[in-house]
Amino acid sequence: MQILLDIVSWVLLLAGSAFALIGAVGLIRFPDVYARMHASGITDTLGAGLILAGMMIQGGFTLVTAKLILILIFLLFTSPTSTYALANAAYSRGLQPLLGGPEPDPAALEAADPASAIPGQAESGSVGSVSGEDKSS
């Protein structure tokens, strides 16, 4: 019976490690921040969950397993929440996802709406002050 538990535990540990490695490759390979967040958020939660499940099987019915369950519950709440918060911050900052279309020209965007110009791309090179006043004039 112990051999079967060890095999199941190692399968979970290896699967969790594989998901974590796939997530790391996704961070490098995907083109924009939203796809990268998707890759890291899904594989981070699933990979860490599988690793924790494998460690729970190795730990048996002990206090260590209870602590690992609490860590897993904490991880299942915080990882998706942090991914959402990061995506929401990127979207509210004006970062648009790549949808397979052509890249917009920053000069055309600034000419159409100077308020939505990319910071640091302005002609004066200044981003502005904390109070919102433009000191370049």
Protein backbone atom coordinates (compact mmCIF):
# COMPACT_ATOMS: atom_id res chain seq x y z
CA MET A 1 0.00 0.00 0.00
CA GLN A 2 2.87 2.36 0.81
CA ILE A 3 4.35 1.82 -2.66
CA LEU A 4 1.05 2.84 -4.27
CA LEU A 5 0.89 6.02 -2.17
CA ASP A 6 4.48 6.84 -3.10
CA ILE A 7 3.74 6.35 -6.81
CA VAL A 8 0.64 8.55 -6.67
CA SER A 9 2.55 11.18 -4.70
CA TRP A 10 5.42 11.26 -7.17
CA VAL A 11 3.05 11.43 -10.13
CA LEU A 12 1.39 14.49 -8.56
CA LEU A 13 4.74 16.08 -7.74
CA LEU A 14 6.05 15.54 -11.27
CA ALA A 15 2.81 16.78 -12.85
CA GLY A 16 2.89 19.92 -10.70
CA SER A 17 6.51 20.53 -11.64
CA ALA A 18 5.67 20.06 -15.32
CA PHE A 19 2.83 22.61 -15.09
CA ALA A 20 5.13 25.09 -13.37
CA LEU A 21 7.74 24.61 -16.11
CA ILE A 22 5.12 25.00 -18.85
CA GLY A 23 3.97 28.22 -17.18
CA ALA A 24 7.53 29.54 -17.19
CA VAL A 25 7.83 28.79 -20.90
CA GLY A 26 4.49 30.54 -21.46
CA LEU A 27 5.83 33.66 -19.76
CA ILE A 28 8.61 33.80 -22.30
CA ARG A 29 6.72 32.75 -25.42
CA PHE A 30 3.38 34.57 -25.25
CA PRO A 31 3.20 37.97 -26.96
CA ASP A 32 1.38 40.30 -24.56
CA VAL A 33 0.85 40.84 -20.86
CA TYR A 34 -2.66 39.34 -20.78
CA ALA A 35 -1.62 36.06 -22.38
CA ARG A 36 1.38 35.90 -20.07
CA MET A 37 -0.82 36.49 -17.03
CA HIS A 38 -3.16 33.74 -18.21
CA ALA A 39 -0.27 31.31 -18.60
CA SER A 40 1.26 32.14 -15.26
CA GLY A 41 -2.01 32.32 -13.33
CA ILE A 42 -3.41 29.00 -14.51
CA THR A 43 -0.20 27.01 -14.31
CA ASP A 44 0.85 28.61 -11.03
CA THR A 45 -2.37 27.60 -9.31
CA LEU A 46 -2.56 24.15 -10.86
CA GLY A 47 1.16 23.40 -10.54
CA ALA A 48 1.39 24.48 -6.92
CA GLY A 49 -1.88 22.67 -6.13
CA LEU A 50 -0.58 19.40 -7.56
CA ILE A 51 2.73 19.77 -5.74
CA LEU A 52 0.90 20.43 -2.47
CA ALA A 53 -1.37 17.42 -3.08
CA GLY A 54 1.67 15.22 -3.63
CA MET A 55 3.22 16.51 -0.42
CA MET A 56 -0.05 15.84 1.45
CA ILE A 57 0.01 12.23 0.35
CA GLN A 58 3.64 11.95 1.47
CA GLY A 59 2.79 13.53 4.83
CA GLY A 60 -0.05 11.16 5.69
CA PHE A 61 -2.71 12.17 8.22
CA THR A 62 -0.60 14.51 10.35
CA LEU A 63 -0.49 18.14 11.36
CA VAL A 64 1.72 18.78 8.33
CA THR A 65 -1.15 17.77 6.03
CA ALA A 66 -3.51 20.16 7.83
CA LYS A 67 -1.02 22.98 7.30
CA LEU A 68 -0.63 22.05 3.63
CA ILE A 69 -4.42 22.15 3.23
CA LEU A 70 -4.48 25.66 4.69
CA ILE A 71 -1.68 26.72 2.32
CA LEU A 72 -3.63 25.25 -0.62
CA ILE A 73 -6.81 27.11 0.37
CA PHE A 74 -4.84 30.36 0.71
CA LEU A 75 -3.24 29.76 -2.70
CA LEU A 76 -6.57 29.03 -4.37
CA PHE A 77 -7.90 32.40 -3.19
CA THR A 78 -4.86 34.62 -3.69
CA SER A 79 -3.49 33.48 -7.05
CA PRO A 80 -6.61 34.18 -9.15
CA THR A 81 -7.25 37.38 -7.19
CA SER A 82 -3.76 38.72 -7.82
CA THR A 83 -3.95 37.78 -11.51
CA TYR A 84 -7.26 39.65 -11.80
CA ALA A 85 -5.88 42.69 -9.98
CA LEU A 86 -2.84 42.81 -12.25
CA ALA A 87 -4.98 42.46 -15.40
CA ASN A 88 -7.40 45.11 -14.17
CA ALA A 89 -4.54 47.52 -13.43
CA ALA A 90 -3.03 46.94 -16.88
CA TYR A 91 -6.39 47.46 -18.59
CA SER A 92 -7.27 50.58 -16.60
CA ARG A 93 -3.83 51.99 -17.47
CA GLY A 94 -4.80 51.65 -21.14
CA LEU A 95 -2.86 48.56 -22.13
CA GLN A 96 -4.87 46.86 -24.86
CA PRO A 97 -4.58 43.14 -25.59
CA LEU A 98 -3.10 41.99 -28.87
CA LEU A 99 -5.91 40.53 -30.93
CA GLY A 100 -3.99 39.64 -34.05
CA GLY A 101 -4.49 43.01 -35.72
CA PRO A 102 -1.84 45.52 -36.70
CA GLU A 103 -0.08 47.53 -33.99
CA PRO A 104 -1.50 51.05 -33.61
CA ASP A 105 0.82 53.91 -34.49
CA PRO A 106 1.66 55.93 -31.32
CA ALA A 107 1.87 59.17 -33.35
CA ALA A 108 -1.64 58.61 -34.74
CA LEU A 109 -2.97 57.88 -31.24
CA GLU A 110 -1.42 61.07 -29.85
CA ALA A 111 -2.81 63.15 -32.73
CA ALA A 112 -6.29 61.69 -32.22
CA ASP A 113 -6.37 62.09 -28.42
CA PRO A 114 -3.40 63.76 -26.70
CA ALA A 115 -4.76 62.85 -23.25
CA SER A 116 -4.38 59.13 -23.99
CA ALA A 117 -0.82 59.42 -25.28
CA ILE A 118 1.71 57.00 -23.88
CA PRO A 119 3.62 58.59 -20.97
CA GLY A 120 7.19 59.43 -21.89
CA GLN A 121 6.27 59.70 -25.58
CA ALA A 122 5.22 63.34 -25.37
CA GLU A 123 7.16 65.93 -27.33
CA SER A 124 8.51 67.62 -24.20
CA GLY A 125 9.58 64.26 -22.75
CA SER A 126 8.03 65.01 -19.37
CA VAL A 127 5.40 62.87 -17.76
CA GLY A 128 3.94 65.63 -15.60
CA SER A 129 3.88 66.41 -11.92
CA VAL A 130 2.04 64.75 -9.09
CA SER A 131 -0.57 67.50 -8.91
CA GLY A 132 -1.41 67.01 -12.58
CA GLU A 133 -0.04 70.35 -13.72
CA ASP A 134 2.05 70.51 -16.86
CA LYS A 135 5.19 72.49 -16.06
CA SER A 136 6.57 72.41 -19.61
CA SER A 137 4.67 75.57 -20.67
